[in-house]
Amino acid sequence: MLKDITQAWTQTINATAAGADLSSAEAIAEAPSGTSGTSSVLPLTNFGSVNFTGVTANGKSLDTLDPVQISMPDTSVADMASDGSFAVNYTGTGFAQWFGV
């Protein structure tokens, strides 16, 4: 479920695909990318925290599946709880570093 508490909406999508490889799962908070046709990553704005609650894959808590953490610059990731919950926190200076503010 995707939930935006600031705008009071939620979205849930359950999907299946015949023959899908069920050996990989992701819980992602990522930086935006440019639209100039290149794969440039844009700087983060101060998003505060993004909370992932009860993350599961194939009915198992993500913490039991030996997840690999990949962190973005200017962020920290809280330790994962036994139910697969964790938070990504903004720690940087936002656009100030890019514009000399």
Protein backbone atom coordinates (compact mmCIF):
# COMPACT_ATOMS: atom_id res chain seq x y z
CA MET A 1 0.00 0.00 0.00
CA LEU A 2 1.22 3.48 -0.83
CA LYS A 3 -0.09 6.09 1.60
CA ASP A 4 0.26 9.87 1.55
CA ILE A 5 -0.82 11.16 4.94
CA THR A 6 -0.33 14.79 3.84
CA GLN A 7 -2.91 14.44 1.06
CA ALA A 8 -5.09 11.79 2.80
CA TRP A 9 -4.96 9.10 0.10
CA THR A 10 -3.85 5.49 -0.22
CA GLN A 11 -3.31 3.17 -3.15
CA THR A 12 -3.00 -0.60 -3.08
CA ILE A 13 -2.15 -2.77 -6.07
CA ASN A 14 -1.97 -6.56 -5.91
CA ALA A 15 -0.69 -8.16 -9.07
CA THR A 16 0.42 -11.57 -10.25
CA ALA A 17 2.23 -12.72 -13.35
CA ALA A 18 2.41 -16.30 -14.53
CA GLY A 19 6.00 -17.56 -14.53
CA ALA A 20 7.36 -14.52 -12.67
CA ASP A 21 10.71 -14.91 -10.93
CA LEU A 22 9.86 -14.48 -7.26
CA SER A 23 13.44 -14.28 -6.02
CA SER A 24 13.76 -10.49 -5.80
CA ALA A 25 11.92 -7.67 -4.06
CA GLU A 26 12.59 -3.96 -3.52
CA ALA A 27 11.40 -1.22 -1.19
CA ILE A 28 12.61 2.01 -2.78
CA ALA A 29 12.96 5.70 -1.97
CA GLU A 30 15.05 7.23 -4.73
CA ALA A 31 16.21 10.54 -6.10
CA PRO A 32 14.54 11.98 -9.19
CA SER A 33 16.37 11.84 -12.49
CA GLY A 34 16.71 14.38 -15.27
CA THR A 35 14.62 14.32 -18.42
CA SER A 36 17.38 15.42 -20.77
CA GLY A 37 17.82 11.93 -22.18
CA THR A 38 20.73 11.17 -19.88
CA SER A 39 20.73 9.21 -16.67
CA SER A 40 21.62 12.21 -14.51
CA VAL A 41 20.40 12.11 -10.91
CA LEU A 42 18.99 15.36 -9.57
CA PRO A 43 19.70 16.62 -6.04
CA LEU A 44 17.30 15.66 -3.29
CA THR A 45 15.04 18.18 -1.66
CA ASN A 46 14.42 17.96 2.09
CA PHE A 47 11.75 15.25 2.19
CA GLY A 48 12.02 14.65 5.94
CA SER A 49 11.40 10.93 6.45
CA VAL A 50 9.81 8.20 4.39
CA ASN A 51 8.45 5.31 6.46
CA PHE A 52 8.15 1.79 5.11
CA THR A 53 5.82 -0.25 7.32
CA GLY A 54 5.52 -4.04 7.40
CA VAL A 55 7.42 -4.70 4.17
CA THR A 56 6.94 -8.29 3.00
CA ALA A 57 7.93 -10.39 0.00
CA ASN A 58 6.14 -13.65 -0.74
CA GLY A 59 4.47 -13.43 2.68
CA LYS A 60 7.75 -13.11 4.60
CA SER A 61 8.98 -10.08 6.50
CA LEU A 62 11.75 -8.38 4.52
CA ASP A 63 14.09 -8.49 7.53
CA THR A 64 14.15 -12.32 7.39
CA LEU A 65 15.36 -12.33 3.77
CA ASP A 66 18.85 -10.85 4.30
CA PRO A 67 18.13 -7.57 2.51
CA VAL A 68 20.95 -5.51 1.01
CA GLN A 69 20.80 -1.80 1.80
CA ILE A 70 21.83 0.68 -0.88
CA SER A 71 21.86 4.26 0.41
CA MET A 72 21.58 7.53 -1.48
CA PRO A 73 23.84 10.47 -0.62
CA ASP A 74 22.30 12.84 1.94
CA THR A 75 20.20 10.10 3.57
CA SER A 76 20.33 7.71 6.47
CA VAL A 77 18.37 4.49 6.86
CA ALA A 78 17.03 3.40 10.25
CA ASP A 79 17.57 -0.19 11.35
CA MET A 80 14.90 -2.54 10.05
CA ALA A 81 12.38 -3.82 12.60
CA SER A 82 11.37 -7.47 12.84
CA ASP A 83 8.19 -6.76 10.83
CA GLY A 84 10.20 -5.30 7.91
CA SER A 85 9.55 -1.66 8.84
CA PHE A 86 12.23 1.01 8.40
CA ALA A 87 12.62 4.71 7.58
CA VAL A 88 14.73 6.67 5.11
CA ASN A 89 15.69 10.08 6.52
CA TYR A 90 16.95 13.15 4.70
CA THR A 91 20.25 14.37 6.22
CA GLY A 92 21.63 16.72 3.57
CA THR A 93 21.50 20.38 2.76
CA GLY A 94 19.05 20.16 -0.15
CA PHE A 95 19.51 22.54 -3.05
CA ALA A 96 21.78 24.84 -1.04
CA GLN A 97 24.86 22.81 -1.98
CA TRP A 98 24.00 23.12 -5.67
CA PHE A 99 23.21 26.84 -5.72
CA GLY A 100 25.65 28.15 -3.10
CA VAL A 101 22.88 29.24 -0.74
